[in-house]
Amino acid sequence: MPDSRVVITYCVRCRWLLRAQWYAGELLQTFESEVGEVALRPAAKDLEAGVFRVQVQASDDDAPVTVWNRKRDGGFPDIAELKRRVRDLVAPEMSLGHADRAAEA
């Protein structure tokens, strides 16, 4: 089993659980052999209002890398862009097909 891990932290007050679940499902489908876990983490209500963050830990020895932060990156990611950012860390040689071709255009 691969040891790559993705953590999606979402704001509970903003009711972004369904959005987080959708992203998790898309990542699990795309990286079924490359990612060992996708975790959903509710943000602390009082400390992280409005948070939506996706972090990738490529291996047990690596520190988590924030690949998307709603506040830093401006809103929510397009799924193709999120997949490219995750892919670049967990399986750089993997082709994403149409998502890669769209980014090149």
PDB file of N, CA and C in Angstrom:
ATOM      1  N   MET A   1       0.845  -1.188   0.000  1.00  0.00           N
ATOM      2  CA  MET A   1       0.000   0.000   0.000  1.00  0.00           C
ATOM      3  C   MET A   1       0.885   1.245   0.000  1.00  0.00           C
ATOM      4  N   PRO A   2       0.556   2.235  -0.841  1.00  0.00           N
ATOM      5  CA  PRO A   2       1.334   3.470  -0.865  1.00  0.00           C
ATOM      6  C   PRO A   2       1.185   4.235   0.445  1.00  0.00           C
ATOM      7  N   ASP A   3       2.224   4.991   0.773  1.00  0.00           N
ATOM      8  CA  ASP A   3       2.158   5.733   2.027  1.00  0.00           C
ATOM      9  C   ASP A   3       1.861   7.222   1.817  1.00  0.00           C
ATOM     10  N   SER A   4       1.486   7.623   0.608  1.00  0.00           N
ATOM     11  CA  SER A   4       1.085   9.009   0.370  1.00  0.00           C
ATOM     12  C   SER A   4      -0.235   9.276   1.067  1.00  0.00           C
ATOM     13  N   ARG A   5      -0.363  10.496   1.572  1.00  0.00           N
ATOM     14  CA  ARG A   5      -1.551  10.861   2.346  1.00  0.00           C
ATOM     15  C   ARG A   5      -2.005  12.253   1.942  1.00  0.00           C
ATOM     16  N   VAL A   6      -3.302  12.422   1.758  1.00  0.00           N
ATOM     17  CA  VAL A   6      -3.884  13.723   1.458  1.00  0.00           C
ATOM     18  C   VAL A   6      -4.833  14.067   2.601  1.00  0.00           C
ATOM     19  N   VAL A   7      -4.739  15.297   3.099  1.00  0.00           N
ATOM     20  CA  VAL A   7      -5.642  15.768   4.155  1.00  0.00           C
ATOM     21  C   VAL A   7      -6.355  17.013   3.643  1.00  0.00           C
ATOM     22  N   ILE A   8      -7.674  16.964   3.682  1.00  0.00           N
ATOM     23  CA  ILE A   8      -8.497  18.112   3.298  1.00  0.00           C
ATOM     24  C   ILE A   8      -9.117  18.669   4.573  1.00  0.00           C
ATOM     25  N   THR A   9      -8.721  19.879   4.920  1.00  0.00           N
ATOM     26  CA  THR A   9      -9.258  20.558   6.103  1.00  0.00           C
ATOM     27  C   THR A   9     -10.304  21.559   5.624  1.00  0.00           C
ATOM     28  N   TYR A  10     -11.489  21.507   6.228  1.00  0.00           N
ATOM     29  CA  TYR A  10     -12.593  22.342   5.753  1.00  0.00           C
ATOM     30  C   TYR A  10     -13.292  23.032   6.922  1.00  0.00           C
ATOM     31  N   CYS A  11     -13.916  24.159   6.632  1.00  0.00           N
ATOM     32  CA  CYS A  11     -14.656  24.935   7.632  1.00  0.00           C
ATOM     33  C   CYS A  11     -16.025  24.296   7.870  1.00  0.00           C
ATOM     34  N   VAL A  12     -16.291  23.978   9.129  1.00  0.00           N
ATOM     35  CA  VAL A  12     -17.563  23.374   9.508  1.00  0.00           C
ATOM     36  C   VAL A  12     -18.693  24.403   9.430  1.00  0.00           C
ATOM     37  N   ARG A  13     -18.421  25.603   9.938  1.00  0.00           N
ATOM     38  CA  ARG A  13     -19.447  26.647   9.944  1.00  0.00           C
ATOM     39  C   ARG A  13     -19.887  27.030   8.536  1.00  0.00           C
ATOM     40  N   CYS A  14     -18.961  26.935   7.593  1.00  0.00           N
ATOM     41  CA  CYS A  14     -19.268  27.271   6.196  1.00  0.00           C
ATOM     42  C   CYS A  14     -19.997  26.140   5.481  1.00  0.00           C
ATOM     43  N   ARG A  15     -20.079  25.004   6.138  1.00  0.00           N
ATOM     44  CA  ARG A  15     -20.761  23.825   5.595  1.00  0.00           C
ATOM     45  C   ARG A  15     -20.093  23.321   4.310  1.00  0.00           C
ATOM     46  N   TRP A  16     -18.774  23.181   4.371  1.00  0.00           N
ATOM     47  CA  TRP A  16     -18.016  22.744   3.204  1.00  0.00           C
ATOM     48  C   TRP A  16     -17.683  21.261   3.239  1.00  0.00           C
ATOM     49  N   LEU A  17     -18.358  20.486   4.084  1.00  0.00           N
ATOM     50  CA  LEU A  17     -18.108  19.044   4.144  1.00  0.00           C
ATOM     51  C   LEU A  17     -18.391  18.372   2.804  1.00  0.00           C
ATOM     52  N   LEU A  18     -19.524  18.663   2.178  1.00  0.00           N
ATOM     53  CA  LEU A  18     -19.864  18.010   0.909  1.00  0.00           C
ATOM     54  C   LEU A  18     -18.844  18.337  -0.182  1.00  0.00           C
ATOM     55  N   ARG A  19     -18.364  19.565  -0.193  1.00  0.00           N
ATOM     56  CA  ARG A  19     -17.335  19.961  -1.151  1.00  0.00           C
ATOM     57  C   ARG A  19     -16.060  19.165  -0.894  1.00  0.00           C
ATOM     58  N   ALA A  20     -15.673  19.042   0.382  1.00  0.00           N
ATOM     59  CA  ALA A  20     -14.476  18.284   0.752  1.00  0.00           C
ATOM     60  C   ALA A  20     -14.627  16.810   0.356  1.00  0.00           C
ATOM     61  N   GLN A  21     -15.807  16.259   0.566  1.00  0.00           N
ATOM     62  CA  GLN A  21     -16.058  14.865   0.190  1.00  0.00           C
ATOM     63  C   GLN A  21     -15.935  14.663  -1.324  1.00  0.00           C
ATOM     64  N   TRP A  22     -16.446  15.611  -2.079  1.00  0.00           N
ATOM     65  CA  TRP A  22     -16.371  15.497  -3.533  1.00  0.00           C
ATOM     66  C   TRP A  22     -14.915  15.503  -4.000  1.00  0.00           C
ATOM     67  N   TYR A  23     -14.118  16.445  -3.477  1.00  0.00           N
ATOM     68  CA  TYR A  23     -12.697  16.486  -3.835  1.00  0.00           C
ATOM     69  C   TYR A  23     -12.015  15.177  -3.426  1.00  0.00           C
ATOM     70  N   ALA A  24     -12.327  14.678  -2.245  1.00  0.00           N
ATOM     71  CA  ALA A  24     -11.720  13.423  -1.773  1.00  0.00           C
ATOM     72  C   ALA A  24     -12.045  12.276  -2.723  1.00  0.00           C
ATOM     73  N   GLY A  25     -13.291  12.171  -3.127  1.00  0.00           N
ATOM     74  CA  GLY A  25     -13.687  11.115  -4.048  1.00  0.00           C
ATOM     75  C   GLY A  25     -12.970  11.213  -5.386  1.00  0.00           C
ATOM     76  N   GLU A  26     -12.838  12.412  -5.913  1.00  0.00           N
ATOM     77  CA  GLU A  26     -12.138  12.619  -7.179  1.00  0.00           C
ATOM     78  C   GLU A  26     -10.669  12.212  -7.062  1.00  0.00           C
ATOM     79  N   LEU A  27     -10.034  12.578  -5.955  1.00  0.00           N
ATOM     80  CA  LEU A  27      -8.621  12.227  -5.760  1.00  0.00           C
ATOM     81  C   LEU A  27      -8.445  10.728  -5.580  1.00  0.00           C
ATOM     82  N   LEU A  28      -9.343  10.098  -4.843  1.00  0.00           N
ATOM     83  CA  LEU A  28      -9.250   8.652  -4.649  1.00  0.00           C
ATOM     84  C   LEU A  28      -9.452   7.895  -5.959  1.00  0.00           C
ATOM     85  N   GLN A  29     -10.349   8.371  -6.796  1.00  0.00           N
ATOM     86  CA  GLN A  29     -10.570   7.718  -8.087  1.00  0.00           C
ATOM     87  C   GLN A  29      -9.363   7.869  -8.997  1.00  0.00           C
ATOM     88  N   THR A  30      -8.784   9.038  -9.026  1.00  0.00           N
ATOM     89  CA  THR A  30      -7.660   9.304  -9.918  1.00  0.00           C
ATOM     90  C   THR A  30      -6.381   8.640  -9.442  1.00  0.00           C
ATOM     91  N   PHE A  31      -6.138   8.658  -8.135  1.00  0.00           N
ATOM     92  CA  PHE A  31      -4.876   8.159  -7.583  1.00  0.00           C
ATOM     93  C   PHE A  31      -5.096   6.898  -6.750  1.00  0.00           C
ATOM     94  N   GLU A  32      -5.884   5.969  -7.280  1.00  0.00           N
ATOM     95  CA  GLU A  32      -6.248   4.772  -6.516  1.00  0.00           C
ATOM     96  C   GLU A  32      -5.048   3.924  -6.129  1.00  0.00           C
ATOM     97  N   SER A  33      -3.984   3.940  -6.909  1.00  0.00           N
ATOM     98  CA  SER A  33      -2.790   3.148  -6.583  1.00  0.00           C
ATOM     99  C   SER A  33      -1.660   3.993  -6.009  1.00  0.00           C
ATOM    100  N   GLU A  34      -1.785   5.312  -6.079  1.00  0.00           N
ATOM    101  CA  GLU A  34      -0.698   6.200  -5.674  1.00  0.00           C
ATOM    102  C   GLU A  34      -0.892   6.822  -4.294  1.00  0.00           C
ATOM    103  N   VAL A  35      -2.131   6.887  -3.838  1.00  0.00           N
ATOM    104  CA  VAL A  35      -2.439   7.518  -2.553  1.00  0.00           C
ATOM    105  C   VAL A  35      -3.010   6.467  -1.614  1.00  0.00           C
ATOM    106  N   GLY A  36      -2.458   6.382  -0.422  1.00  0.00           N
ATOM    107  CA  GLY A  36      -2.917   5.395   0.545  1.00  0.00           C
ATOM    108  C   GLY A  36      -4.080   5.876   1.396  1.00  0.00           C
ATOM    109  N   GLU A  37      -4.258   7.205   1.454  1.00  0.00           N
ATOM    110  CA  GLU A  37      -5.312   7.737   2.330  1.00  0.00           C
ATOM    111  C   GLU A  37      -5.688   9.147   1.914  1.00  0.00           C
ATOM    112  N   VAL A  38      -6.978   9.432   1.970  1.00  0.00           N
ATOM    113  CA  VAL A  38      -7.480  10.797   1.882  1.00  0.00           C
ATOM    114  C   VAL A  38      -8.321  11.014   3.124  1.00  0.00           C
ATOM    115  N   ALA A  39      -7.898  11.964   3.943  1.00  0.00           N
ATOM    116  CA  ALA A  39      -8.586  12.225   5.211  1.00  0.00           C
ATOM    117  C   ALA A  39      -9.318  13.561   5.139  1.00  0.00           C
ATOM    118  N   LEU A  40     -10.489  13.604   5.765  1.00  0.00           N
ATOM    119  CA  LEU A  40     -11.247  14.846   5.902  1.00  0.00           C
ATOM    120  C   LEU A  40     -11.111  15.313   7.340  1.00  0.00           C
ATOM    121  N   ARG A  41     -10.668  16.559   7.507  1.00  0.00           N
ATOM    122  CA  ARG A  41     -10.423  17.101   8.843  1.00  0.00           C
ATOM    123  C   ARG A  41     -11.259  18.361   9.040  1.00  0.00           C
ATOM    124  N   PRO A  42     -12.260  18.312   9.919  1.00  0.00           N
ATOM    125  CA  PRO A  42     -13.015  19.537  10.215  1.00  0.00           C
ATOM    126  C   PRO A  42     -12.116  20.529  10.948  1.00  0.00           C
ATOM    127  N   ALA A  43     -12.149  21.763  10.503  1.00  0.00           N
ATOM    128  CA  ALA A  43     -11.332  22.804  11.129  1.00  0.00           C
ATOM    129  C   ALA A  43     -11.925  23.185  12.486  1.00  0.00           C
ATOM    130  N   ALA A  44     -11.062  23.588  13.392  1.00  0.00           N
ATOM    131  CA  ALA A  44     -11.521  24.075  14.694  1.00  0.00           C
ATOM    132  C   ALA A  44     -12.429  25.280  14.461  1.00  0.00           C
ATOM    133  N   LYS A  45     -13.649  25.204  14.972  1.00  0.00           N
ATOM    134  CA  LYS A  45     -14.656  26.239  14.697  1.00  0.00           C
ATOM    135  C   LYS A  45     -14.180  27.650  15.019  1.00  0.00           C
ATOM    136  N   ASP A  46     -13.524  27.825  16.134  1.00  0.00           N
ATOM    137  CA  ASP A  46     -13.150  29.164  16.571  1.00  0.00           C
ATOM    138  C   ASP A  46     -11.830  29.643  15.977  1.00  0.00           C
ATOM    139  N   LEU A  47     -10.988  28.726  15.537  1.00  0.00           N
ATOM    140  CA  LEU A  47      -9.647  29.105  15.124  1.00  0.00           C
ATOM    141  C   LEU A  47      -9.457  29.234  13.620  1.00  0.00           C
ATOM    142  N   GLU A  48     -10.232  28.500  12.850  1.00  0.00           N
ATOM    143  CA  GLU A  48      -9.972  28.458  11.416  1.00  0.00           C
ATOM    144  C   GLU A  48     -11.238  28.705  10.595  1.00  0.00           C
ATOM    145  N   ALA A  49     -11.917  29.781  10.861  1.00  0.00           N
ATOM    146  CA  ALA A  49     -13.122  30.098  10.096  1.00  0.00           C
ATOM    147  C   ALA A  49     -12.761  30.336   8.635  1.00  0.00           C
ATOM    148  N   GLY A  50     -13.524  29.735   7.738  1.00  0.00           N
ATOM    149  CA  GLY A  50     -13.322  29.945   6.309  1.00  0.00           C
ATOM    150  C   GLY A  50     -12.190  29.150   5.694  1.00  0.00           C
ATOM    151  N   VAL A  51     -11.646  28.198   6.438  1.00  0.00           N
ATOM    152  CA  VAL A  51     -10.505  27.449   5.914  1.00  0.00           C
ATOM    153  C   VAL A  51     -10.956  26.356   4.947  1.00  0.00           C
ATOM    154  N   PHE A  52     -10.213  26.211   3.870  1.00  0.00           N
ATOM    155  CA  PHE A  52     -10.313  25.051   2.987  1.00  0.00           C
ATOM    156  C   PHE A  52      -8.909  24.832   2.464  1.00  0.00           C
ATOM    157  N   ARG A  53      -8.289  23.765   2.946  1.00  0.00           N
ATOM    158  CA  ARG A  53      -6.871  23.525   2.667  1.00  0.00           C
ATOM    159  C   ARG A  53      -6.673  22.064   2.281  1.00  0.00           C
ATOM    160  N   VAL A  54      -5.824  21.837   1.290  1.00  0.00           N
ATOM    161  CA  VAL A  54      -5.477  20.484   0.865  1.00  0.00           C
ATOM    162  C   VAL A  54      -3.972  20.322   1.038  1.00  0.00           C
ATOM    163  N   GLN A  55      -3.596  19.328   1.833  1.00  0.00           N
ATOM    164  CA  GLN A  55      -2.185  19.053   2.081  1.00  0.00           C
ATOM    165  C   GLN A  55      -1.859  17.638   1.624  1.00  0.00           C
ATOM    166  N   VAL A  56      -0.640  17.469   1.110  1.00  0.00           N
ATOM    167  CA  VAL A  56      -0.165  16.173   0.639  1.00  0.00           C
ATOM    168  C   VAL A  56       1.118  15.826   1.367  1.00  0.00           C
ATOM    169  N   GLN A  57       1.153  14.626   1.877  1.00  0.00           N
ATOM    170  CA  GLN A  57       2.369  14.077   2.465  1.00  0.00           C
ATOM    171  C   GLN A  57       2.752  12.897   1.569  1.00  0.00           C
ATOM    172  N   ALA A  58       3.785  13.092   0.747  1.00  0.00           N
ATOM    173  CA  ALA A  58       4.134  12.106  -0.273  1.00  0.00           C
ATOM    174  C   ALA A  58       4.621  10.790   0.321  1.00  0.00           C
ATOM    175  N   SER A  59       5.275  10.850   1.465  1.00  0.00           N
ATOM    176  CA  SER A  59       5.718   9.625   2.140  1.00  0.00           C
ATOM    177  C   SER A  59       5.803   9.902   3.629  1.00  0.00           C
ATOM    178  N   ASP A  60       5.960   8.854   4.413  1.00  0.00           N
ATOM    179  CA  ASP A  60       6.038   9.012   5.870  1.00  0.00           C
ATOM    180  C   ASP A  60       7.198   9.899   6.287  1.00  0.00           C
ATOM    181  N   ASP A  61       8.249   9.939   5.467  1.00  0.00           N
ATOM    182  CA  ASP A  61       9.440  10.723   5.796  1.00  0.00           C
ATOM    183  C   ASP A  61       9.321  12.192   5.401  1.00  0.00           C
ATOM    184  N   ASP A  62       8.336  12.529   4.606  1.00  0.00           N
ATOM    185  CA  ASP A  62       8.181  13.900   4.111  1.00  0.00           C
ATOM    186  C   ASP A  62       7.241  14.720   4.991  1.00  0.00           C
ATOM    187  N   ALA A  63       7.503  16.011   5.034  1.00  0.00           N
ATOM    188  CA  ALA A  63       6.591  16.934   5.715  1.00  0.00           C
ATOM    189  C   ALA A  63       5.405  17.202   4.787  1.00  0.00           C
ATOM    190  N   PRO A  64       4.225  17.438   5.332  1.00  0.00           N
ATOM    191  CA  PRO A  64       3.072  17.765   4.485  1.00  0.00           C
ATOM    192  C   PRO A  64       3.310  19.057   3.703  1.00  0.00           C
ATOM    193  N   VAL A  65       2.836  19.078   2.462  1.00  0.00           N
ATOM    194  CA  VAL A  65       2.947  20.251   1.594  1.00  0.00           C
ATOM    195  C   VAL A  65       1.539  20.739   1.310  1.00  0.00           C
ATOM    196  N   THR A  66       1.299  22.019   1.514  1.00  0.00           N
ATOM    197  CA  THR A  66      -0.006  22.588   1.204  1.00  0.00           C
ATOM    198  C   THR A  66      -0.069  22.840  -0.297  1.00  0.00           C
ATOM    199  N   VAL A  67      -0.938  22.086  -0.980  1.00  0.00           N
ATOM    200  CA  VAL A  67      -1.078  22.249  -2.425  1.00  0.00           C
ATOM    201  C   VAL A  67      -2.214  23.202  -2.781  1.00  0.00           C
ATOM    202  N   TRP A  68      -3.128  23.417  -1.838  1.00  0.00           N
ATOM    203  CA  TRP A  68      -4.190  24.410  -2.059  1.00  0.00           C
ATOM    204  C   TRP A  68      -4.616  24.997  -0.725  1.00  0.00           C
ATOM    205  N   ASN A  69      -4.723  26.308  -0.690  1.00  0.00           N
ATOM    206  CA  ASN A  69      -5.232  27.026   0.469  1.00  0.00           C
ATOM    207  C   ASN A  69      -6.202  28.067  -0.077  1.00  0.00           C
ATOM    208  N   ARG A  70      -7.460  27.948   0.286  1.00  0.00           N
ATOM    209  CA  ARG A  70      -8.493  28.833  -0.259  1.00  0.00           C
ATOM    210  C   ARG A  70      -8.138  30.304  -0.086  1.00  0.00           C
ATOM    211  N   LYS A  71      -7.613  30.676   1.060  1.00  0.00           N
ATOM    212  CA  LYS A  71      -7.296  32.084   1.322  1.00  0.00           C
ATOM    213  C   LYS A  71      -6.077  32.543   0.519  1.00  0.00           C
ATOM    214  N   ARG A  72      -5.079  31.690   0.390  1.00  0.00           N
ATOM    215  CA  ARG A  72      -3.858  32.030  -0.342  1.00  0.00           C
ATOM    216  C   ARG A  72      -4.074  31.985  -1.848  1.00  0.00           C
ATOM    217  N   ASP A  73      -4.787  30.940  -2.304  1.00  0.00           N
ATOM    218  CA  ASP A  73      -4.910  30.690  -3.737  1.00  0.00           C
ATOM    219  C   ASP A  73      -6.177  31.271  -4.352  1.00  0.00           C
ATOM    220  N   GLY A  74      -7.035  31.831  -3.527  1.00  0.00           N
ATOM    221  CA  GLY A  74      -8.210  32.507  -4.043  1.00  0.00           C
ATOM    222  C   GLY A  74      -9.358  31.592  -4.415  1.00  0.00           C
ATOM    223  N   GLY A  75     -10.102  31.158  -3.436  1.00  0.00           N
ATOM    224  CA  GLY A  75     -11.278  30.335  -3.704  1.00  0.00           C
ATOM    225  C   GLY A  75     -10.976  28.847  -3.699  1.00  0.00           C
ATOM    226  N   PHE A  76     -11.792  28.125  -4.420  1.00  0.00           N
ATOM    227  CA  PHE A  76     -11.678  26.666  -4.461  1.00  0.00           C
ATOM    228  C   PHE A  76     -10.997  26.246  -5.754  1.00  0.00           C
ATOM    229  N   PRO A  77     -10.263  25.141  -5.715  1.00  0.00           N
ATOM    230  CA  PRO A  77      -9.524  24.739  -6.912  1.00  0.00           C
ATOM    231  C   PRO A  77     -10.412  24.092  -7.965  1.00  0.00           C
ATOM    232  N   ASP A  78     -10.058  24.323  -9.203  1.00  0.00           N
ATOM    233  CA  ASP A  78     -10.599  23.533 -10.294  1.00  0.00           C
ATOM    234  C   ASP A  78     -10.054  22.121 -10.084  1.00  0.00           C
ATOM    235  N   ILE A  79     -10.857  21.103 -10.292  1.00  0.00           N
ATOM    236  CA  ILE A  79     -10.431  19.743  -9.966  1.00  0.00           C
ATOM    237  C   ILE A  79      -9.213  19.322 -10.795  1.00  0.00           C
ATOM    238  N   ALA A  80      -9.125  19.750 -12.042  1.00  0.00           N
ATOM    239  CA  ALA A  80      -7.959  19.394 -12.862  1.00  0.00           C
ATOM    240  C   ALA A  80      -6.686  19.996 -12.279  1.00  0.00           C
ATOM    241  N   GLU A  81      -6.759  21.242 -11.832  1.00  0.00           N
ATOM    242  CA  GLU A  81      -5.582  21.888 -11.226  1.00  0.00           C
ATOM    243  C   GLU A  81      -5.181  21.194  -9.928  1.00  0.00           C
ATOM    244  N   LEU A  82      -6.159  20.846  -9.111  1.00  0.00           N
ATOM    245  CA  LEU A  82      -5.855  20.148  -7.861  1.00  0.00           C
ATOM    246  C   LEU A  82      -5.204  18.796  -8.152  1.00  0.00           C
ATOM    247  N   LYS A  83      -5.727  18.072  -9.124  1.00  0.00           N
ATOM    248  CA  LYS A  83      -5.145  16.777  -9.474  1.00  0.00           C
ATOM    249  C   LYS A  83      -3.706  16.941  -9.965  1.00  0.00           C
ATOM    250  N   ARG A  84      -3.433  17.968 -10.748  1.00  0.00           N
ATOM    251  CA  ARG A  84      -2.061  18.199 -11.219  1.00  0.00           C
ATOM    252  C   ARG A  84      -1.125  18.456 -10.044  1.00  0.00           C
ATOM    253  N   ARG A  85      -1.566  19.270  -9.089  1.00  0.00           N
ATOM    254  CA  ARG A  85      -0.716  19.589  -7.937  1.00  0.00           C
ATOM    255  C   ARG A  85      -0.461  18.363  -7.065  1.00  0.00           C
ATOM    256  N   VAL A  86      -1.476  17.543  -6.877  1.00  0.00           N
ATOM    257  CA  VAL A  86      -1.300  16.309  -6.101  1.00  0.00           C
ATOM    258  C   VAL A  86      -0.402  15.346  -6.872  1.00  0.00           C
ATOM    259  N   ARG A  87      -0.665  15.178  -8.149  1.00  0.00           N
ATOM    260  CA  ARG A  87       0.130  14.287  -8.998  1.00  0.00           C
ATOM    261  C   ARG A  87       1.614  14.646  -8.959  1.00  0.00           C
ATOM    262  N   ASP A  88       1.917  15.941  -9.018  1.00  0.00           N
ATOM    263  CA  ASP A  88       3.314  16.381  -9.039  1.00  0.00           C
ATOM    264  C   ASP A  88       4.080  15.916  -7.807  1.00  0.00           C
ATOM    265  N   LEU A  89       3.376  15.649  -6.714  1.00  0.00           N
ATOM    266  CA  LEU A  89       4.031  15.193  -5.482  1.00  0.00           C
ATOM    267  C   LEU A  89       4.005  13.680  -5.309  1.00  0.00           C
ATOM    268  N   VAL A  90       2.932  13.031  -5.708  1.00  0.00           N
ATOM    269  CA  VAL A  90       2.802  11.592  -5.423  1.00  0.00           C
ATOM    270  C   VAL A  90       3.152  10.689  -6.600  1.00  0.00           C
ATOM    271  N   ALA A  91       3.044  11.196  -7.825  1.00  0.00           N
ATOM    272  CA  ALA A  91       3.313  10.374  -9.005  1.00  0.00           C
ATOM    273  C   ALA A  91       3.670  11.272 -10.186  1.00  0.00           C
ATOM    274  N   PRO A  92       4.812  11.951 -10.132  1.00  0.00           N
ATOM    275  CA  PRO A  92       5.147  12.944 -11.159  1.00  0.00           C
ATOM    276  C   PRO A  92       5.162  12.409 -12.594  1.00  0.00           C
ATOM    277  N   GLU A  93       5.395  11.125 -12.749  1.00  0.00           N
ATOM    278  CA  GLU A  93       5.459  10.536 -14.088  1.00  0.00           C
ATOM    279  C   GLU A  93       4.077  10.196 -14.649  1.00  0.00           C
ATOM    280  N   MET A  94       3.057  10.264 -13.818  1.00  0.00           N
ATOM    281  CA  MET A  94       1.700   9.873 -14.219  1.00  0.00           C
ATOM    282  C   MET A  94       1.077  10.917 -15.149  1.00  0.00           C
ATOM    283  N   SER A  95       0.436  10.434 -16.207  1.00  0.00           N
ATOM    284  CA  SER A  95      -0.289  11.317 -17.114  1.00  0.00           C
ATOM    285  C   SER A  95      -1.720  11.482 -16.615  1.00  0.00           C
ATOM    286  N   LEU A  96      -2.214  12.688 -16.687  1.00  0.00           N
ATOM    287  CA  LEU A  96      -3.609  12.949 -16.331  1.00  0.00           C
ATOM    288  C   LEU A  96      -4.465  13.145 -17.577  1.00  0.00           C
ATOM    289  N   GLY A  97      -3.918  12.792 -18.723  1.00  0.00           N
ATOM    290  CA  GLY A  97      -4.672  12.844 -19.959  1.00  0.00           C
ATOM    291  C   GLY A  97      -5.165  14.238 -20.297  1.00  0.00           C
ATOM    292  N   HIS A  98      -6.484  14.386 -20.400  1.00  0.00           N
ATOM    293  CA  HIS A  98      -7.070  15.664 -20.821  1.00  0.00           C
ATOM    294  C   HIS A  98      -6.725  16.801 -19.874  1.00  0.00           C
ATOM    295  N   ALA A  99      -6.528  16.538 -18.607  1.00  0.00           N
ATOM    296  CA  ALA A  99      -6.193  17.600 -17.653  1.00  0.00           C
ATOM    297  C   ALA A  99      -4.821  18.169 -17.953  1.00  0.00           C
ATOM    298  N   ASP A 100      -3.890  17.327 -18.395  1.00  0.00           N
ATOM    299  CA  ASP A 100      -2.568  17.821 -18.774  1.00  0.00           C
ATOM    300  C   ASP A 100      -2.625  18.599 -20.085  1.00  0.00           C
ATOM    301  N   ARG A 101      -3.392  18.102 -21.041  1.00  0.00           N
ATOM    302  CA  ARG A 101      -3.492  18.790 -22.326  1.00  0.00           C
ATOM    303  C   ARG A 101      -4.139  20.168 -22.164  1.00  0.00           C
ATOM    304  N   ALA A 102      -5.126  20.287 -21.296  1.00  0.00           N
ATOM    305  CA  ALA A 102      -5.787  21.563 -21.066  1.00  0.00           C
ATOM    306  C   ALA A 102      -4.832  22.568 -20.434  1.00  0.00           C
ATOM    307  N   ALA A 103      -3.957  22.102 -19.553  1.00  0.00           N
ATOM    308  CA  ALA A 103      -2.999  22.993 -18.890  1.00  0.00           C
ATOM    309  C   ALA A 103      -1.943  23.479 -19.877  1.00  0.00           C
ATOM    310  N   GLU A 104      -1.601  22.651 -20.862  1.00  0.00           N
ATOM    311  CA  GLU A 104      -0.597  23.040 -21.853  1.00  0.00           C
ATOM    312  C   GLU A 104      -1.126  24.061 -22.840  1.00  0.00           C
ATOM    313  N   ALA A 105      -2.441  24.043 -23.066  1.00  0.00           N
ATOM    314  CA  ALA A 105      -3.044  24.953 -24.077  1.00  0.00           C
ATOM    315  C   ALA A 105      -3.051  26.390 -23.625  1.00  0.00           C
TER     316      ALA A 105
END
